[in-house]
Amino acid sequence: MRKEDCFYLGKIVRKHSFRGEVVIKLDTDEPELYQEMESVFVDLGNNLIPFFIEKSGLHKGNQLRVKFEGISSEEEADSILKSDIYLPIDLLPKLSGNKFYFHEVIGFSIVDVNYGEVGTLVHINDKAAQPLFEIEKNDAVIFIPMIDDFIKKVDRDNKTIQVETPEGLIELYL
């Protein structure tokens, strides 16, 4: 399985018992969707390795306590600690309306209600306090905060996102 065909689900953050159980911090708003999984892909040395789940249960909100097959001691659990967890993209629940997954809108055109065609969405910067659309237009890079009030319409059929930004924001970058 290639990382490009998967989505990031979370990270193994700590051990839970001396029997090899671990806790995965899930990167999702709906952790309950992932409590009955049969397997996950663990990123070990830049390879996605399938791990089968013996048992799992939600733990403190968005954490999942997991017992993997073949991991039965603290030492074995140490070998996968701090590893990222992935699932195939086709397991993502479908979103509609103005909700979207970051990976699905890359390449969409961004159109501002007042300004018009802004450019092509090339990246979503989620490292900042506020996620940002990173849009290319000619040689310029334009950043628009991903604020619900700014996002007016996500048109999956025409691959466009309509936004309404404050006056002058787009011009700052051009």
Protein backbone atom coordinates (compact mmCIF):
# COMPACT_ATOMS: atom_id res chain seq x y z
CA MET A 1 0.00 0.00 0.00
CA ARG A 2 1.32 3.43 -0.95
CA LYS A 3 0.98 6.43 1.35
CA GLU A 4 -0.62 8.40 -1.53
CA ASP A 5 -3.52 5.90 -1.51
CA CYS A 6 -4.09 6.34 2.22
CA PHE A 7 -5.15 8.96 4.72
CA TYR A 8 -3.50 9.78 8.03
CA LEU A 9 -5.62 8.50 10.90
CA GLY A 10 -3.38 9.24 13.88
CA LYS A 11 -0.25 8.39 15.83
CA ILE A 12 0.68 5.75 18.39
CA VAL A 13 1.37 8.02 21.36
CA ARG A 14 2.04 5.65 24.26
CA LYS A 15 1.98 2.16 25.68
CA HIS A 16 -1.03 1.18 27.75
CA SER A 17 -0.04 -2.06 29.45
CA PHE A 18 2.78 -4.52 29.91
CA ARG A 19 0.94 -6.84 27.46
CA GLY A 20 1.77 -4.70 24.42
CA GLU A 21 -1.35 -2.56 24.20
CA VAL A 22 -0.88 0.93 22.75
CA VAL A 23 -2.90 4.13 22.55
CA ILE A 24 -3.48 5.80 19.18
CA LYS A 25 -4.35 9.51 19.20
CA LEU A 26 -6.90 9.76 16.38
CA ASP A 27 -6.88 12.80 14.10
CA THR A 28 -10.64 12.89 13.55
CA ASP A 29 -13.78 14.62 14.73
CA GLU A 30 -15.61 11.27 14.77
CA PRO A 31 -13.46 8.75 16.68
CA GLU A 32 -16.41 6.36 17.08
CA LEU A 33 -16.19 5.55 13.34
CA TYR A 34 -12.83 3.84 13.93
CA GLN A 35 -13.38 1.72 17.05
CA GLU A 36 -14.29 -1.48 15.14
CA MET A 37 -11.37 -1.67 12.65
CA GLU A 38 -9.87 -5.02 11.65
CA SER A 39 -6.49 -3.60 10.65
CA VAL A 40 -4.47 -0.43 10.05
CA PHE A 41 -1.27 0.46 8.24
CA VAL A 42 1.63 1.45 10.51
CA ASP A 43 4.36 3.66 9.02
CA LEU A 44 7.63 1.91 9.90
CA GLY A 45 10.77 3.20 8.21
CA ASN A 46 8.70 4.90 5.47
CA ASN A 47 6.91 1.62 4.64
CA LEU A 48 3.25 1.05 5.40
CA ILE A 49 2.99 -2.30 7.19
CA PRO A 50 -0.44 -3.87 7.86
CA PHE A 51 -1.16 -4.61 11.52
CA PHE A 52 -4.20 -6.65 12.51
CA ILE A 53 -6.21 -5.62 15.56
CA GLU A 54 -7.10 -8.20 18.21
CA LYS A 55 -9.21 -5.78 20.22
CA SER A 56 -9.74 -2.05 20.53
CA GLY A 57 -11.83 0.48 22.38
CA LEU A 58 -12.26 4.23 22.62
CA HIS A 59 -10.27 5.78 25.44
CA LYS A 60 -10.63 9.40 26.64
CA GLY A 61 -12.38 11.01 23.68
CA ASN A 62 -10.25 10.79 20.55
CA GLN A 63 -7.87 8.08 21.73
CA LEU A 64 -8.13 4.43 20.75
CA ARG A 65 -6.66 1.69 22.95
CA VAL A 66 -5.46 -1.13 20.68
CA LYS A 67 -4.09 -4.64 21.09
CA PHE A 68 -2.36 -5.67 17.84
CA GLU A 69 -1.81 -9.29 16.85
CA GLY A 70 1.87 -10.17 17.33
CA ILE A 71 2.56 -7.34 19.80
CA SER A 72 2.45 -8.89 23.27
CA SER A 73 5.15 -7.16 25.33
CA GLU A 74 6.31 -3.68 26.26
CA GLU A 75 9.47 -4.17 24.17
CA GLU A 76 7.43 -5.06 21.06
CA ALA A 77 5.14 -2.07 21.70
CA ASP A 78 8.24 0.17 21.95
CA SER A 79 9.14 -0.80 18.36
CA ILE A 80 5.98 0.85 16.99
CA LEU A 81 5.74 3.77 19.44
CA LYS A 82 5.42 7.24 17.80
CA SER A 83 4.52 5.62 14.45
CA ASP A 84 1.86 7.19 12.21
CA ILE A 85 -1.29 5.19 11.42
CA TYR A 86 -2.96 5.16 8.00
CA LEU A 87 -6.06 3.69 6.35
CA PRO A 88 -6.95 3.37 2.64
CA ILE A 89 -8.64 6.51 1.24
CA ASP A 90 -11.68 4.52 0.11
CA LEU A 91 -12.57 3.96 3.81
CA LEU A 92 -13.14 7.69 4.36
CA PRO A 93 -16.81 8.55 4.86
CA LYS A 94 -18.15 10.65 1.95
CA LEU A 95 -18.59 14.34 2.72
CA SER A 96 -21.08 16.68 1.10
CA GLY A 97 -21.90 20.36 1.07
CA ASN A 98 -19.09 22.66 2.13
CA LYS A 99 -17.27 19.95 4.12
CA PHE A 100 -14.25 18.41 2.42
CA TYR A 101 -11.07 16.47 3.03
CA PHE A 102 -7.90 18.44 2.35
CA HIS A 103 -6.59 15.91 -0.19
CA GLU A 104 -9.80 15.94 -2.27
CA VAL A 105 -9.76 19.68 -3.11
CA ILE A 106 -6.12 20.02 -4.24
CA GLY A 107 -6.24 21.19 -7.86
CA PHE A 108 -9.63 22.91 -7.46
CA SER A 109 -10.04 26.46 -8.80
CA ILE A 110 -10.66 29.14 -6.19
CA VAL A 111 -13.15 31.83 -7.23
CA ASP A 112 -13.85 34.88 -5.07
CA VAL A 113 -17.37 36.35 -5.15
CA ASN A 114 -16.00 39.90 -5.61
CA TYR A 115 -12.54 39.40 -7.12
CA GLY A 116 -13.30 36.58 -9.57
CA GLU A 117 -10.88 33.77 -10.50
CA VAL A 118 -8.15 33.68 -7.84
CA GLY A 119 -6.09 30.66 -8.96
CA THR A 120 -5.49 26.96 -8.37
CA LEU A 121 -5.40 25.39 -4.91
CA VAL A 122 -2.01 23.66 -4.67
CA HIS A 123 -1.70 22.97 -0.94
CA ILE A 124 -3.45 23.37 2.38
CA ASN A 125 -1.13 24.64 5.08
CA ASP A 126 -2.42 23.19 8.33
CA LYS A 127 0.74 23.92 10.32
CA ALA A 128 -0.39 27.44 11.18
CA ALA A 129 -2.89 28.27 13.95
CA GLN A 130 -5.52 28.69 11.22
CA PRO A 131 -5.40 26.35 8.17
CA LEU A 132 -4.73 28.25 4.93
CA PHE A 133 -5.59 27.64 1.29
CA GLU A 134 -2.32 27.99 -0.66
CA ILE A 135 -3.27 29.16 -4.15
CA GLU A 136 -1.03 29.70 -7.16
CA LYS A 137 -1.77 32.38 -9.75
CA ASN A 138 0.93 32.93 -12.36
CA ASP A 139 4.08 33.41 -10.24
CA ALA A 140 2.29 34.53 -7.08
CA VAL A 141 1.22 32.44 -4.08
CA ILE A 142 -1.96 33.62 -2.36
CA PHE A 143 -2.96 32.52 1.15
CA ILE A 144 -6.62 32.54 2.19
CA PRO A 145 -7.60 31.49 5.72
CA MET A 146 -9.93 28.48 5.76
CA ILE A 147 -12.69 30.16 7.72
CA ASP A 148 -16.24 28.81 7.38
CA ASP A 149 -17.55 32.34 6.75
CA PHE A 150 -15.16 32.71 3.77
CA ILE A 151 -16.11 29.38 2.12
CA LYS A 152 -19.39 29.92 0.27
CA LYS A 153 -19.65 26.82 -1.93
CA VAL A 154 -17.68 23.66 -2.70
CA ASP A 155 -18.57 22.44 -6.21
CA ARG A 156 -17.09 18.96 -6.61
CA ASP A 157 -18.54 18.48 -10.13
CA ASN A 158 -16.79 21.58 -11.51
CA LYS A 159 -13.81 21.35 -9.13
CA THR A 160 -14.25 24.88 -7.77
CA ILE A 161 -14.46 26.46 -4.34
CA GLN A 162 -16.27 29.77 -4.13
CA VAL A 163 -15.01 32.08 -1.40
CA GLU A 164 -15.82 35.58 -0.20
CA THR A 165 -12.75 37.25 1.28
CA PRO A 166 -12.36 40.68 2.88
CA GLU A 167 -11.68 43.49 0.43
CA GLY A 168 -7.98 43.80 -0.41
CA LEU A 169 -6.87 40.39 0.93
CA ILE A 170 -6.14 38.85 -2.48
CA GLU A 171 -4.52 42.02 -3.82
CA LEU A 172 -1.98 41.88 -0.95
CA TYR A 173 -0.29 38.94 -2.66
CA LEU A 174 -0.32 40.26 -6.26
